[in-house]
Amino acid sequence: MPPQLRKLKASYASRAYGNDQAREYAQHGLSRRLSTMVQMVETVFELLPPELEDVPELITVMAATACIQNFVMNAFGCLENLAWIWVLEKNVRGKGGAELGRFDIGLGKPYVRKSFSAEFQAFLDEHKEWLGNLISFRDGLAHRIPLYIPPYVIDEASAEQFKTLDAAAIAAALAGDQAEYDRLRGEQKALGKFRPWMTHSVLDGAPTIIFHKQMLHDYVTVDAYCWTLIEEFAR
């Protein structure tokens, strides 16, 4: 990822911009976000390797969760930055030539989309489902339930034992027996296995996603958006 990142950042940094604000969005918005995304991927793979089955410490899971949340926000932010770069550089206007407001700027917003070529619009349509999933996770993170990595999962064969231990642990807590509570929670944890899954809401029916694969797929897709916009400028 780092060599590809350097190549992409260099392409945006070396472009001759006609608008200073567009240059700032490219060099200090988009480029910083891309660098952050790569760092978050590397950190998550280091904290929670894909082959991990032993239950990690909660603090490690929390650190990885924070990285994934950061990654998702910046993935969406990259697409927003691309829209701003295009609008500012091409002086895209709204109805009657009016300047677009901040809520009118986005790759899918009507006046922005209308300013793109048929080729770029086809690219946007091709990735509509992916973008919908990204927006769902981003909106859940920003407005509703944050992304969540279960600390461990319990297989069906251990489910009843887990419930029994859970009830006993609650009773110990109510009795003020901290040592017994810790012992019972430890037994519960020993029944679990770690799985690299993330979701944001059970009741909303949010998908459960393997986060290593999803982060790589999301980065590659954002990378494709960036290169395709460079091609659009060339058109």
Protein backbone atom coordinates (compact mmCIF):
# COMPACT_ATOMS: atom_id res chain seq x y z
CA MET A 1 0.00 0.00 0.00
CA PRO A 2 2.67 2.66 0.82
CA PRO A 3 4.22 2.69 -2.71
CA GLN A 4 0.79 3.04 -4.29
CA LEU A 5 -0.06 5.79 -1.80
CA ARG A 6 3.09 7.74 -2.68
CA LYS A 7 2.30 7.48 -6.39
CA LEU A 8 -1.26 8.69 -5.91
CA LYS A 9 -0.31 11.58 -3.62
CA ALA A 10 2.39 12.68 -6.07
CA SER A 11 -0.15 12.75 -8.90
CA TYR A 12 -2.42 15.13 -6.96
CA ALA A 13 0.43 17.20 -5.54
CA SER A 14 2.09 17.79 -8.92
CA ARG A 15 -1.05 18.80 -10.77
CA ALA A 16 -1.20 22.43 -11.96
CA TYR A 17 -4.27 23.79 -10.19
CA GLY A 18 -6.09 26.92 -11.24
CA ASN A 19 -7.83 27.28 -7.87
CA ASP A 20 -5.85 27.61 -4.64
CA GLN A 21 -8.62 26.10 -2.52
CA ALA A 22 -8.82 23.08 -4.81
CA ARG A 23 -5.06 22.63 -4.36
CA GLU A 24 -5.48 22.78 -0.59
CA TYR A 25 -8.24 20.14 -0.65
CA ALA A 26 -5.96 17.90 -2.73
CA GLN A 27 -2.71 18.34 -0.82
CA HIS A 28 -3.96 18.83 2.74
CA GLY A 29 -7.37 17.15 2.64
CA LEU A 30 -7.28 14.17 0.31
CA SER A 31 -3.59 13.35 0.77
CA ARG A 32 -3.73 13.43 4.56
CA ARG A 33 -6.83 11.27 4.60
CA LEU A 34 -5.24 8.68 2.31
CA SER A 35 -2.13 8.55 4.51
CA THR A 36 -4.31 8.08 7.58
CA MET A 37 -6.23 5.25 5.93
CA VAL A 38 -3.03 3.35 5.09
CA GLN A 39 -1.75 3.83 8.65
CA MET A 40 -5.05 2.54 10.07
CA VAL A 41 -4.95 -0.58 7.88
CA GLU A 42 -1.36 -1.35 8.91
CA THR A 43 -2.17 -0.81 12.59
CA VAL A 44 -5.28 -3.03 12.55
CA PHE A 45 -3.38 -5.87 10.84
CA GLU A 46 -0.66 -5.53 13.48
CA LEU A 47 -3.04 -5.39 16.46
CA LEU A 48 -5.40 -8.15 15.29
CA PRO A 49 -3.72 -10.38 12.67
CA PRO A 50 -6.18 -12.16 10.35
CA GLU A 51 -5.12 -15.59 11.63
CA LEU A 52 -5.81 -14.69 15.28
CA GLU A 53 -8.16 -17.04 17.18
CA ASP A 54 -7.09 -16.52 20.79
CA VAL A 55 -9.18 -13.88 22.52
CA PRO A 56 -7.19 -10.62 22.61
CA GLU A 57 -7.14 -8.15 25.46
CA LEU A 58 -10.08 -5.75 25.43
CA ILE A 59 -7.75 -2.75 25.19
CA THR A 60 -6.33 -4.19 21.96
CA VAL A 61 -9.81 -4.68 20.50
CA MET A 62 -10.73 -1.13 21.50
CA ALA A 63 -7.60 0.26 19.80
CA ALA A 64 -8.39 -1.63 16.60
CA THR A 65 -12.01 -0.46 16.78
CA ALA A 66 -10.86 3.16 16.99
CA CYS A 67 -8.64 2.62 13.93
CA ILE A 68 -11.52 1.16 11.91
CA GLN A 69 -13.82 4.01 12.90
CA ASN A 70 -11.11 6.48 11.85
CA PHE A 71 -10.65 4.61 8.57
CA VAL A 72 -14.36 4.69 7.69
CA MET A 73 -14.72 8.41 8.38
CA ASN A 74 -11.67 9.20 6.24
CA ALA A 75 -12.77 6.89 3.41
CA PHE A 76 -16.00 8.87 3.15
CA GLY A 77 -14.06 12.11 3.62
CA CYS A 78 -11.81 11.27 0.64
CA LEU A 79 -14.84 11.10 -1.64
CA GLU A 80 -16.10 14.42 -0.29
CA ASN A 81 -12.66 15.97 -0.89
CA LEU A 82 -12.70 14.70 -4.50
CA ALA A 83 -16.03 16.43 -5.03
CA TRP A 84 -14.72 19.70 -3.61
CA ILE A 85 -11.56 19.53 -5.74
CA TRP A 86 -13.67 19.05 -8.88
CA VAL A 87 -16.24 21.75 -8.05
CA LEU A 88 -13.63 24.35 -7.16
CA GLU A 89 -11.28 23.58 -10.03
CA LYS A 90 -14.03 23.39 -12.65
CA ASN A 91 -16.15 26.18 -11.10
CA VAL A 92 -19.25 23.98 -11.12
CA ARG A 93 -22.35 26.08 -10.57
CA GLY A 94 -25.97 25.49 -9.63
CA LYS A 95 -29.27 26.78 -10.93
CA GLY A 96 -28.93 30.07 -12.77
CA GLY A 97 -25.15 30.01 -12.25
CA ALA A 98 -25.46 30.30 -8.47
CA GLU A 99 -22.54 29.15 -6.32
CA LEU A 100 -23.12 25.71 -4.81
CA GLY A 101 -23.69 25.53 -1.06
CA ARG A 102 -21.72 23.09 1.05
CA PHE A 103 -24.67 20.66 1.17
CA ASP A 104 -24.88 20.70 -2.65
CA ILE A 105 -21.33 19.37 -3.09
CA GLY A 106 -20.76 15.64 -3.33
CA LEU A 107 -19.96 13.22 -6.14
CA GLY A 108 -23.61 12.18 -6.35
CA LYS A 109 -25.21 15.60 -5.90
CA PRO A 110 -27.29 16.64 -8.95
CA TYR A 111 -25.32 19.62 -10.23
CA VAL A 112 -21.98 17.97 -9.53
CA ARG A 113 -22.93 14.69 -11.18
CA LYS A 114 -24.31 16.55 -14.21
CA SER A 115 -20.91 18.17 -14.72
CA PHE A 116 -19.17 14.81 -15.15
CA SER A 117 -18.65 12.94 -18.41
CA ALA A 118 -20.68 9.86 -19.28
CA GLU A 119 -17.61 7.75 -18.46
CA PHE A 120 -17.30 9.10 -14.93
CA GLN A 121 -21.03 8.83 -14.31
CA ALA A 122 -20.82 5.18 -15.38
CA PHE A 123 -18.00 4.67 -12.87
CA LEU A 124 -20.17 6.17 -10.11
CA ASP A 125 -23.07 3.89 -11.05
CA GLU A 126 -20.78 0.86 -11.02
CA HIS A 127 -19.82 1.57 -7.40
CA LYS A 128 -23.26 2.64 -6.16
CA GLU A 129 -23.75 -0.44 -3.96
CA TRP A 130 -20.30 -0.12 -2.41
CA LEU A 131 -20.89 3.58 -1.68
CA GLY A 132 -24.26 2.80 -0.12
CA ASN A 133 -22.62 0.37 2.31
CA LEU A 134 -19.89 2.88 3.17
CA ILE A 135 -22.46 5.61 3.81
CA SER A 136 -24.47 3.23 6.01
CA PHE A 137 -21.44 2.52 8.21
CA ARG A 138 -20.40 6.18 8.23
CA ASP A 139 -23.89 7.39 9.19
CA GLY A 140 -24.19 4.74 11.90
CA LEU A 141 -20.82 5.79 13.26
CA ALA A 142 -21.54 9.52 13.14
CA HIS A 143 -25.20 9.58 14.16
CA ARG A 144 -26.40 6.28 15.64
CA ILE A 145 -24.49 3.18 16.77
CA PRO A 146 -20.67 3.18 16.37
CA LEU A 147 -18.85 0.34 14.65
CA TYR A 148 -18.22 -2.54 17.03
CA ILE A 149 -15.87 -5.55 17.13
CA PRO A 150 -17.23 -8.31 19.40
CA PRO A 151 -14.53 -9.17 21.99
CA TYR A 152 -15.17 -12.87 21.27
CA VAL A 153 -17.86 -15.23 19.98
CA ILE A 154 -19.35 -18.35 21.57
CA ASP A 155 -20.16 -21.46 19.53
CA GLU A 156 -23.51 -23.19 19.96
CA ALA A 157 -22.06 -26.08 21.99
CA SER A 158 -20.87 -23.66 24.70
CA ALA A 159 -23.89 -21.35 24.70
CA GLU A 160 -25.69 -22.88 27.70
CA GLN A 161 -22.53 -23.00 29.80
CA PHE A 162 -21.86 -19.37 28.92
CA LYS A 163 -25.36 -18.35 30.06
CA THR A 164 -24.96 -20.26 33.34
CA LEU A 165 -21.64 -18.54 34.03
CA ASP A 166 -23.17 -15.19 33.09
CA ALA A 167 -25.98 -15.58 35.63
CA ALA A 168 -23.50 -16.65 38.30
CA ALA A 169 -21.23 -13.67 37.54
CA ILE A 170 -24.13 -11.25 37.90
CA ALA A 171 -25.06 -12.84 41.23
CA ALA A 172 -21.47 -12.51 42.42
CA ALA A 173 -21.43 -8.85 41.43
CA LEU A 174 -24.66 -8.20 43.32
CA ALA A 175 -23.17 -9.93 46.36
CA GLY A 176 -20.09 -7.74 46.17
CA ASP A 177 -17.75 -10.69 45.58
CA GLN A 178 -15.30 -9.18 43.09
CA ALA A 179 -12.90 -12.13 43.13
CA GLU A 180 -15.66 -14.61 42.26
CA TYR A 181 -17.00 -12.25 39.61
CA ASP A 182 -13.58 -11.99 37.95
CA ARG A 183 -13.13 -15.78 38.09
CA LEU A 184 -16.48 -16.43 36.42
CA ARG A 185 -15.89 -13.83 33.73
CA GLY A 186 -12.52 -15.46 33.08
CA GLU A 187 -14.24 -18.83 32.57
CA GLN A 188 -16.67 -17.22 30.17
CA LYS A 189 -13.85 -15.67 28.17
CA ALA A 190 -12.06 -19.04 27.98
CA LEU A 191 -15.08 -20.43 26.11
CA GLY A 192 -14.78 -17.80 23.39
CA LYS A 193 -12.91 -17.53 20.14
CA PHE A 194 -11.97 -14.32 18.37
CA ARG A 195 -13.37 -13.59 14.94
CA PRO A 196 -12.45 -10.50 12.86
CA TRP A 197 -16.01 -9.27 12.49
CA MET A 198 -17.51 -5.82 12.79
CA THR A 199 -21.02 -4.39 12.68
CA HIS A 200 -22.80 -1.33 14.04
CA SER A 201 -26.37 -2.34 14.99
CA VAL A 202 -28.05 -5.67 15.58
CA LEU A 203 -31.59 -4.24 15.61
CA ASP A 204 -31.03 -2.20 12.42
CA GLY A 205 -30.07 -5.40 10.60
CA ALA A 206 -26.61 -4.07 9.79
CA PRO A 207 -24.32 -6.54 8.01
CA THR A 208 -21.53 -8.35 9.84
CA ILE A 209 -18.33 -7.80 7.88
CA ILE A 210 -14.84 -9.33 8.01
CA PHE A 211 -12.96 -6.12 8.64
CA HIS A 212 -9.50 -7.04 7.24
CA LYS A 213 -10.97 -7.81 3.83
CA GLN A 214 -13.35 -4.84 3.94
CA MET A 215 -10.64 -2.31 4.79
CA LEU A 216 -8.48 -3.49 1.90
CA HIS A 217 -11.44 -3.46 -0.48
CA ASP A 218 -12.47 0.02 0.67
CA TYR A 219 -8.97 1.42 0.24
CA VAL A 220 -8.60 -0.05 -3.25
CA THR A 221 -11.99 1.40 -4.19
CA VAL A 222 -11.16 4.88 -2.86
CA ASP A 223 -7.86 4.63 -4.76
CA ALA A 224 -9.86 3.86 -7.93
CA TYR A 225 -12.08 6.91 -7.36
CA CYS A 226 -8.99 9.09 -7.07
CA TRP A 227 -7.35 7.82 -10.27
CA THR A 228 -10.62 7.97 -12.19
CA LEU A 229 -11.07 11.63 -11.25
CA ILE A 230 -7.56 12.34 -12.56
CA GLU A 231 -8.67 10.73 -15.83
CA GLU A 232 -11.79 12.90 -15.73
CA PHE A 233 -9.67 16.05 -15.47
CA ALA A 234 -7.75 14.87 -18.54
CA ARG A 235 -11.00 14.56 -20.49
